[in-house]
Amino acid sequence: MPLHMRLMWILERICTVLFVFMTVLIFVQVVLRYVFSLSLFWAEEAARWSMIWIVFLGCVVATHQAAHTRVSYFVELLPGLPKRIVEGSVALVCAVSCFLIAWYGIPVFRVSISAIAPGLGITKGVEYIAVPLCCTAMGVIFFVQGIRVFLGYSADLRGDINEQKTEGGAA
């Protein structure tokens, strides 16, 4: 299994663990609050941070699988080469956008690293580093997808490059 597939497998498992943790934590918090009139002071913060990481890591996985929602009705009407040019250009624009978000997320992370979360007692940088890390990963994936589409291959990185020739693609 290629390295990028192993990394995606790991990210999927991390998202699953975080989701189960968040669900159990919220359930326990509700039971404690409404049945026993008790509360875990850190539960809301931990659940929020889990959700943030689930969203950003899930975006990386979805980008890798070319699974993001998009409106492609008019693009699908185009023949081979123009379709590849549009799809490849869109992927490269998405890559640039992700890199810009990551770049401008770094100063936010730098500011937040000195702040301590009151509930968990750890730096808020753990929460804010998700943006530059995951947007950089998505930018790299979008860039690779754009190049692949220009060369006539599928944007989905899960399969073998030789099996994913698109209609009108490279021979």
C-alpha atoms as a PDB file:
ATOM      1  CA  MET A   1       0.000   0.000   0.000  1.00  0.00           C
ATOM      2  CA  PRO A   2       1.472   3.395  -0.984  1.00  0.00           C
ATOM      3  CA  LEU A   3       2.438   5.846   1.761  1.00  0.00           C
ATOM      4  CA  HIS A   4      -0.383   8.292   0.962  1.00  0.00           C
ATOM      5  CA  MET A   5      -2.934   5.476   1.295  1.00  0.00           C
ATOM      6  CA  ARG A   6      -1.482   4.480   4.681  1.00  0.00           C
ATOM      7  CA  LEU A   7      -1.665   8.078   5.847  1.00  0.00           C
ATOM      8  CA  MET A   8      -5.307   8.332   4.768  1.00  0.00           C
ATOM      9  CA  TRP A   9      -6.065   5.053   6.553  1.00  0.00           C
ATOM     10  CA  ILE A  10      -4.521   6.486   9.729  1.00  0.00           C
ATOM     11  CA  LEU A  11      -6.445   9.762   9.363  1.00  0.00           C
ATOM     12  CA  GLU A  12      -9.715   7.863   8.913  1.00  0.00           C
ATOM     13  CA  ARG A  13      -9.035   5.910  12.120  1.00  0.00           C
ATOM     14  CA  ILE A  14      -8.138   9.085  14.015  1.00  0.00           C
ATOM     15  CA  CYS A  15     -11.419  10.656  12.881  1.00  0.00           C
ATOM     16  CA  THR A  16     -13.311   7.558  13.995  1.00  0.00           C
ATOM     17  CA  VAL A  17     -11.673   7.538  17.427  1.00  0.00           C
ATOM     18  CA  LEU A  18     -12.315  11.263  17.857  1.00  0.00           C
ATOM     19  CA  PHE A  19     -15.948  10.831  16.810  1.00  0.00           C
ATOM     20  CA  VAL A  20     -16.534   7.970  19.243  1.00  0.00           C
ATOM     21  CA  PHE A  21     -14.767   9.929  22.006  1.00  0.00           C
ATOM     22  CA  MET A  22     -16.852  13.032  21.313  1.00  0.00           C
ATOM     23  CA  THR A  23     -20.125  11.084  21.196  1.00  0.00           C
ATOM     24  CA  VAL A  24     -19.437   9.198  24.427  1.00  0.00           C
ATOM     25  CA  LEU A  25     -18.225  12.364  26.134  1.00  0.00           C
ATOM     26  CA  ILE A  26     -21.347  14.333  25.197  1.00  0.00           C
ATOM     27  CA  PHE A  27     -23.590  11.424  26.249  1.00  0.00           C
ATOM     28  CA  VAL A  28     -21.838  11.165  29.627  1.00  0.00           C
ATOM     29  CA  GLN A  29     -22.030  14.945  30.042  1.00  0.00           C
ATOM     30  CA  VAL A  30     -25.796  14.949  29.374  1.00  0.00           C
ATOM     31  CA  VAL A  31     -26.417  12.054  31.782  1.00  0.00           C
ATOM     32  CA  LEU A  32     -24.293  13.658  34.486  1.00  0.00           C
ATOM     33  CA  ARG A  33     -25.946  17.039  34.055  1.00  0.00           C
ATOM     34  CA  TYR A  34     -29.599  15.984  33.866  1.00  0.00           C
ATOM     35  CA  VAL A  35     -29.600  12.867  36.034  1.00  0.00           C
ATOM     36  CA  PHE A  36     -26.987  13.623  38.692  1.00  0.00           C
ATOM     37  CA  SER A  37     -26.812  17.451  38.494  1.00  0.00           C
ATOM     38  CA  LEU A  38     -23.051  17.194  37.973  1.00  0.00           C
ATOM     39  CA  SER A  39     -20.887  18.422  35.142  1.00  0.00           C
ATOM     40  CA  LEU A  40     -17.466  17.794  33.668  1.00  0.00           C
ATOM     41  CA  PHE A  41     -15.979  21.285  33.366  1.00  0.00           C
ATOM     42  CA  TRP A  42     -13.736  20.291  30.450  1.00  0.00           C
ATOM     43  CA  ALA A  43     -16.231  18.236  28.408  1.00  0.00           C
ATOM     44  CA  GLU A  44     -17.604  20.987  26.169  1.00  0.00           C
ATOM     45  CA  GLU A  45     -14.140  22.192  25.244  1.00  0.00           C
ATOM     46  CA  ALA A  46     -12.868  18.662  24.536  1.00  0.00           C
ATOM     47  CA  ALA A  47     -15.932  17.916  22.391  1.00  0.00           C
ATOM     48  CA  ARG A  48     -15.478  21.168  20.436  1.00  0.00           C
ATOM     49  CA  TRP A  49     -11.798  20.478  19.801  1.00  0.00           C
ATOM     50  CA  SER A  50     -12.600  16.921  18.732  1.00  0.00           C
ATOM     51  CA  MET A  51     -15.166  18.232  16.266  1.00  0.00           C
ATOM     52  CA  ILE A  52     -12.699  20.755  14.845  1.00  0.00           C
ATOM     53  CA  TRP A  53     -10.119  18.035  14.238  1.00  0.00           C
ATOM     54  CA  ILE A  54     -12.729  15.650  12.803  1.00  0.00           C
ATOM     55  CA  VAL A  55     -13.797  18.315  10.300  1.00  0.00           C
ATOM     56  CA  PHE A  56     -10.309  19.295   9.172  1.00  0.00           C
ATOM     57  CA  LEU A  57      -8.894  15.755   9.043  1.00  0.00           C
ATOM     58  CA  GLY A  58     -12.066  14.614   7.283  1.00  0.00           C
ATOM     59  CA  CYS A  59     -11.555  17.360   4.702  1.00  0.00           C
ATOM     60  CA  VAL A  60      -8.075  16.013   3.992  1.00  0.00           C
ATOM     61  CA  VAL A  61      -9.471  12.495   3.491  1.00  0.00           C
ATOM     62  CA  ALA A  62     -12.338  13.776   1.311  1.00  0.00           C
ATOM     63  CA  THR A  63      -9.894  15.799  -0.794  1.00  0.00           C
ATOM     64  CA  HIS A  64      -7.723  12.716  -1.275  1.00  0.00           C
ATOM     65  CA  GLN A  65     -10.760  10.771  -2.475  1.00  0.00           C
ATOM     66  CA  ALA A  66     -11.959  13.643  -4.709  1.00  0.00           C
ATOM     67  CA  ALA A  67     -15.200  13.403  -2.729  1.00  0.00           C
ATOM     68  CA  HIS A  68     -15.939  17.079  -2.066  1.00  0.00           C
ATOM     69  CA  THR A  69     -19.319  18.289  -3.261  1.00  0.00           C
ATOM     70  CA  ARG A  70     -19.150  20.251  -6.468  1.00  0.00           C
ATOM     71  CA  VAL A  71     -21.487  21.432  -9.180  1.00  0.00           C
ATOM     72  CA  SER A  72     -20.175  19.865 -12.349  1.00  0.00           C
ATOM     73  CA  TYR A  73     -23.180  19.877 -14.657  1.00  0.00           C
ATOM     74  CA  PHE A  74     -21.696  22.220 -17.256  1.00  0.00           C
ATOM     75  CA  VAL A  75     -18.196  20.774 -16.918  1.00  0.00           C
ATOM     76  CA  GLU A  76     -19.572  17.309 -17.697  1.00  0.00           C
ATOM     77  CA  LEU A  77     -20.965  18.679 -20.976  1.00  0.00           C
ATOM     78  CA  LEU A  78     -17.472  19.570 -22.197  1.00  0.00           C
ATOM     79  CA  PRO A  79     -15.464  17.207 -24.406  1.00  0.00           C
ATOM     80  CA  GLY A  80     -12.157  15.615 -23.293  1.00  0.00           C
ATOM     81  CA  LEU A  81      -9.447  18.306 -23.424  1.00  0.00           C
ATOM     82  CA  PRO A  82     -11.551  21.353 -22.412  1.00  0.00           C
ATOM     83  CA  LYS A  83     -13.044  19.310 -19.567  1.00  0.00           C
ATOM     84  CA  ARG A  84      -9.553  18.357 -18.350  1.00  0.00           C
ATOM     85  CA  ILE A  85      -8.402  21.974 -18.570  1.00  0.00           C
ATOM     86  CA  VAL A  86     -11.363  23.215 -16.507  1.00  0.00           C
ATOM     87  CA  GLU A  87     -11.123  20.425 -13.911  1.00  0.00           C
ATOM     88  CA  GLY A  88      -7.341  20.753 -13.615  1.00  0.00           C
ATOM     89  CA  SER A  89      -7.573  24.537 -13.314  1.00  0.00           C
ATOM     90  CA  VAL A  90     -10.233  24.257 -10.603  1.00  0.00           C
ATOM     91  CA  ALA A  91      -8.022  21.849  -8.659  1.00  0.00           C
ATOM     92  CA  LEU A  92      -5.055  24.232  -8.922  1.00  0.00           C
ATOM     93  CA  VAL A  93      -7.180  27.199  -7.807  1.00  0.00           C
ATOM     94  CA  CYS A  94      -8.342  25.101  -4.839  1.00  0.00           C
ATOM     95  CA  ALA A  95      -4.688  24.293  -4.070  1.00  0.00           C
ATOM     96  CA  VAL A  96      -3.738  27.975  -4.079  1.00  0.00           C
ATOM     97  CA  SER A  97      -6.747  28.785  -1.881  1.00  0.00           C
ATOM     98  CA  CYS A  98      -5.770  26.094   0.626  1.00  0.00           C
ATOM     99  CA  PHE A  99      -2.168  27.308   0.709  1.00  0.00           C
ATOM    100  CA  LEU A 100      -3.356  30.892   1.324  1.00  0.00           C
ATOM    101  CA  ILE A 101      -5.658  29.788   4.158  1.00  0.00           C
ATOM    102  CA  ALA A 102      -2.793  27.808   5.667  1.00  0.00           C
ATOM    103  CA  TRP A 103      -0.411  30.756   5.318  1.00  0.00           C
ATOM    104  CA  TYR A 104      -2.802  33.178   6.996  1.00  0.00           C
ATOM    105  CA  GLY A 105      -3.671  30.584   9.640  1.00  0.00           C
ATOM    106  CA  ILE A 106      -0.084  30.504  10.906  1.00  0.00           C
ATOM    107  CA  PRO A 107      -0.239  33.942  12.612  1.00  0.00           C
ATOM    108  CA  VAL A 108      -3.501  32.938  14.291  1.00  0.00           C
ATOM    109  CA  PHE A 109      -1.824  29.789  15.548  1.00  0.00           C
ATOM    110  CA  ARG A 110       1.164  31.792  16.820  1.00  0.00           C
ATOM    111  CA  VAL A 111      -1.109  34.079  18.822  1.00  0.00           C
ATOM    112  CA  SER A 112      -3.194  31.203  20.186  1.00  0.00           C
ATOM    113  CA  ILE A 113      -0.225  29.122  21.302  1.00  0.00           C
ATOM    114  CA  SER A 114       0.345  31.394  24.283  1.00  0.00           C
ATOM    115  CA  ALA A 115      -3.278  31.172  25.418  1.00  0.00           C
ATOM    116  CA  ILE A 116      -4.280  28.362  27.758  1.00  0.00           C
ATOM    117  CA  ALA A 117      -7.681  26.719  27.404  1.00  0.00           C
ATOM    118  CA  PRO A 118      -9.512  27.049  30.732  1.00  0.00           C
ATOM    119  CA  GLY A 119     -11.230  23.666  30.616  1.00  0.00           C
ATOM    120  CA  LEU A 120      -8.411  21.452  29.413  1.00  0.00           C
ATOM    121  CA  GLY A 121      -5.470  23.471  30.719  1.00  0.00           C
ATOM    122  CA  ILE A 122      -3.455  23.069  27.527  1.00  0.00           C
ATOM    123  CA  THR A 123      -2.440  25.562  24.863  1.00  0.00           C
ATOM    124  CA  LYS A 124      -5.120  26.671  22.429  1.00  0.00           C
ATOM    125  CA  GLY A 125      -2.540  26.147  19.715  1.00  0.00           C
ATOM    126  CA  VAL A 126      -3.689  22.513  19.596  1.00  0.00           C
ATOM    127  CA  GLU A 127      -7.040  23.777  18.365  1.00  0.00           C
ATOM    128  CA  TYR A 128      -5.734  26.334  15.875  1.00  0.00           C
ATOM    129  CA  ILE A 129      -2.905  24.301  14.313  1.00  0.00           C
ATOM    130  CA  ALA A 130      -5.567  22.239  12.517  1.00  0.00           C
ATOM    131  CA  VAL A 131      -6.059  25.022   9.964  1.00  0.00           C
ATOM    132  CA  PRO A 132      -2.475  25.388   8.676  1.00  0.00           C
ATOM    133  CA  LEU A 133      -1.708  21.661   8.872  1.00  0.00           C
ATOM    134  CA  CYS A 134      -4.833  20.378   7.167  1.00  0.00           C
ATOM    135  CA  CYS A 135      -5.054  23.186   4.610  1.00  0.00           C
ATOM    136  CA  THR A 136      -1.443  22.558   3.615  1.00  0.00           C
ATOM    137  CA  ALA A 137      -2.199  18.853   3.199  1.00  0.00           C
ATOM    138  CA  MET A 138      -5.304  19.649   1.144  1.00  0.00           C
ATOM    139  CA  GLY A 139      -3.319  22.116  -0.972  1.00  0.00           C
ATOM    140  CA  VAL A 140      -0.727  19.464  -1.793  1.00  0.00           C
ATOM    141  CA  ILE A 141      -3.455  16.951  -2.654  1.00  0.00           C
ATOM    142  CA  PHE A 142      -5.341  19.454  -4.843  1.00  0.00           C
ATOM    143  CA  PHE A 143      -2.075  20.328  -6.619  1.00  0.00           C
ATOM    144  CA  VAL A 144      -1.349  16.655  -7.353  1.00  0.00           C
ATOM    145  CA  GLN A 145      -4.945  16.127  -8.496  1.00  0.00           C
ATOM    146  CA  GLY A 146      -4.736  19.121 -10.821  1.00  0.00           C
ATOM    147  CA  ILE A 147      -1.559  17.821 -12.435  1.00  0.00           C
ATOM    148  CA  ARG A 148      -3.078  14.337 -12.750  1.00  0.00           C
ATOM    149  CA  VAL A 149      -6.215  15.718 -14.413  1.00  0.00           C
ATOM    150  CA  PHE A 150      -4.116  17.783 -16.869  1.00  0.00           C
ATOM    151  CA  LEU A 151      -2.268  14.568 -17.748  1.00  0.00           C
ATOM    152  CA  GLY A 152      -5.553  12.728 -18.325  1.00  0.00           C
ATOM    153  CA  TYR A 153      -5.819  10.697 -15.116  1.00  0.00           C
ATOM    154  CA  SER A 154      -8.525  10.618 -12.461  1.00  0.00           C
ATOM    155  CA  ALA A 155      -8.307  13.096  -9.577  1.00  0.00           C
ATOM    156  CA  ASP A 156      -9.098  10.264  -7.143  1.00  0.00           C
ATOM    157  CA  LEU A 157      -5.746   9.259  -5.665  1.00  0.00           C
ATOM    158  CA  ARG A 158      -6.911   5.952  -4.184  1.00  0.00           C
ATOM    159  CA  GLY A 159      -6.259   3.689  -7.175  1.00  0.00           C
ATOM    160  CA  ASP A 160      -3.404   2.860  -9.475  1.00  0.00           C
ATOM    161  CA  ILE A 161      -2.562   5.655 -11.909  1.00  0.00           C
ATOM    162  CA  ASN A 162      -2.585   3.239 -14.857  1.00  0.00           C
ATOM    163  CA  GLU A 163      -6.134   2.074 -14.097  1.00  0.00           C
ATOM    164  CA  GLN A 164      -7.637   5.532 -13.869  1.00  0.00           C
ATOM    165  CA  LYS A 165      -7.311   6.951 -17.338  1.00  0.00           C
ATOM    166  CA  THR A 166     -10.215   9.289 -17.987  1.00  0.00           C
ATOM    167  CA  GLU A 167     -12.146   9.567 -21.192  1.00  0.00           C
ATOM    168  CA  GLY A 168     -10.209  11.733 -23.618  1.00  0.00           C
ATOM    169  CA  GLY A 169      -7.124  11.441 -21.407  1.00  0.00           C
ATOM    170  CA  ALA A 170      -3.535  10.630 -22.211  1.00  0.00           C
ATOM    171  CA  ALA A 171      -2.894   7.376 -24.006  1.00  0.00           C
END
